[in-house]
C-alpha atoms as a PDB file:
ATOM      1  CA  MET A   1      20.698 184.891  -4.072  1.00  0.00           C
ATOM      2  CA  GLU A   2      19.031 181.542  -4.687  1.00  0.00           C
ATOM      3  CA  THR A   3      20.213 180.336  -1.285  1.00  0.00           C
ATOM      4  CA  VAL A   4      18.805 183.387   0.484  1.00  0.00           C
ATOM      5  CA  ILE A   5      15.453 183.168  -1.312  1.00  0.00           C
ATOM      6  CA  SER A   6      15.127 179.441  -0.679  1.00  0.00           C
ATOM      7  CA  GLY A   7      15.532 180.156   3.054  1.00  0.00           C
ATOM      8  CA  PHE A   8      12.042 181.657   3.129  1.00  0.00           C
ATOM      9  CA  SER A   9       9.415 178.937   3.380  1.00  0.00           C
ATOM     10  CA  LEU A  10       6.759 180.932   1.494  1.00  0.00           C
ATOM     11  CA  ALA A  11       9.083 181.937  -1.363  1.00  0.00           C
ATOM     12  CA  ARG A  12       9.141 180.094  -4.681  1.00  0.00           C
ATOM     13  CA  LEU A  13      11.730 181.312  -7.184  1.00  0.00           C
ATOM     14  CA  ASP A  14      10.337 181.754 -10.694  1.00  0.00           C
ATOM     15  CA  TYR A  15      13.559 182.967 -12.315  1.00  0.00           C
ATOM     16  CA  LEU A  16      16.910 184.540 -11.480  1.00  0.00           C
ATOM     17  CA  GLU A  17      19.176 185.673 -14.306  1.00  0.00           C
ATOM     18  CA  MET A  18      22.346 187.707 -14.784  1.00  0.00           C
ATOM     19  CA  VAL A  19      22.082 189.473 -18.140  1.00  0.00           C
ATOM     20  CA  ASP A  20      23.901 192.109 -20.146  1.00  0.00           C
ATOM     21  CA  PRO A  21      22.072 195.395 -19.435  1.00  0.00           C
ATOM     22  CA  GLY A  22      22.248 196.511 -23.065  1.00  0.00           C
ATOM     23  CA  THR A  23      21.239 193.335 -24.868  1.00  0.00           C
ATOM     24  CA  LEU A  24      19.493 191.350 -22.091  1.00  0.00           C
ATOM     25  CA  GLN A  25      21.496 188.312 -23.204  1.00  0.00           C
ATOM     26  CA  PRO A  26      22.303 185.873 -20.365  1.00  0.00           C
ATOM     27  CA  LEU A  27      25.783 186.047 -18.837  1.00  0.00           C
ATOM     28  CA  ASP A  28      27.742 183.048 -17.555  1.00  0.00           C
ATOM     29  CA  THR A  29      29.982 185.129 -15.289  1.00  0.00           C
ATOM     30  CA  ALA A  30      29.703 188.489 -13.581  1.00  0.00           C
ATOM     31  CA  GLY A  31      31.449 191.273 -15.416  1.00  0.00           C
ATOM     32  CA  GLU A  32      31.953 194.997 -15.108  1.00  0.00           C
ATOM     33  CA  ARG A  33      28.246 195.671 -15.769  1.00  0.00           C
ATOM     34  CA  LEU A  34      25.260 193.411 -15.422  1.00  0.00           C
ATOM     35  CA  LEU A  35      21.574 193.325 -14.647  1.00  0.00           C
ATOM     36  CA  VAL A  36      20.186 190.845 -12.151  1.00  0.00           C
ATOM     37  CA  ALA A  37      16.570 190.041 -13.005  1.00  0.00           C
ATOM     38  CA  LEU A  38      14.355 187.918 -10.795  1.00  0.00           C
ATOM     39  CA  ALA A  39      10.791 186.940 -10.055  1.00  0.00           C
ATOM     40  CA  VAL A  40       9.654 185.271  -6.843  1.00  0.00           C
ATOM     41  CA  TYR A  41       6.243 184.013  -5.810  1.00  0.00           C
ATOM     42  CA  PHE A  42       5.072 184.530  -2.247  1.00  0.00           C
ATOM     43  CA  ASP A  43       1.881 182.486  -2.089  1.00  0.00           C
ATOM     44  CA  ASN A  44      -0.155 183.793  -5.068  1.00  0.00           C
ATOM     45  CA  THR A  45       1.732 187.071  -5.417  1.00  0.00           C
ATOM     46  CA  ARG A  46       4.530 187.317  -7.985  1.00  0.00           C
ATOM     47  CA  LEU A  47       7.171 189.937  -7.229  1.00  0.00           C
ATOM     48  CA  ILE A  48       9.445 191.056 -10.062  1.00  0.00           C
ATOM     49  CA  ASP A  49      12.574 193.138  -9.577  1.00  0.00           C
ATOM     50  CA  ASN A  50      15.917 193.901 -11.158  1.00  0.00           C
ATOM     51  CA  LEU A  51      19.195 195.341  -9.997  1.00  0.00           C
ATOM     52  CA  HIS A  52      21.755 197.174 -12.121  1.00  0.00           C
ATOM     53  CA  TRP A  53      25.282 196.279 -11.065  1.00  0.00           C
ATOM     54  CA  ARG A  54      28.379 198.226 -12.048  1.00  0.00           C
ATOM     55  CA  GLU A  55      31.797 197.298 -10.738  1.00  0.00           C
ATOM     56  CA  GLU A  56      33.487 200.295  -9.173  1.00  0.00           C
ATOM     57  CA  GLY A  57      37.109 200.694 -10.017  1.00  0.00           C
END
């Protein structure tokens, strides 16, 4: 994700984290469930989003 975001000249990554969706504690590796949280500046506008990920099995 960092590579994709850095490919946009106007984008400036504020943060990008993989966290446990229940505790919001940072994760070192992707697991069965996780939340990707990020914030990106485009000029003076800060966009915040998150994505719930659940491994299908």
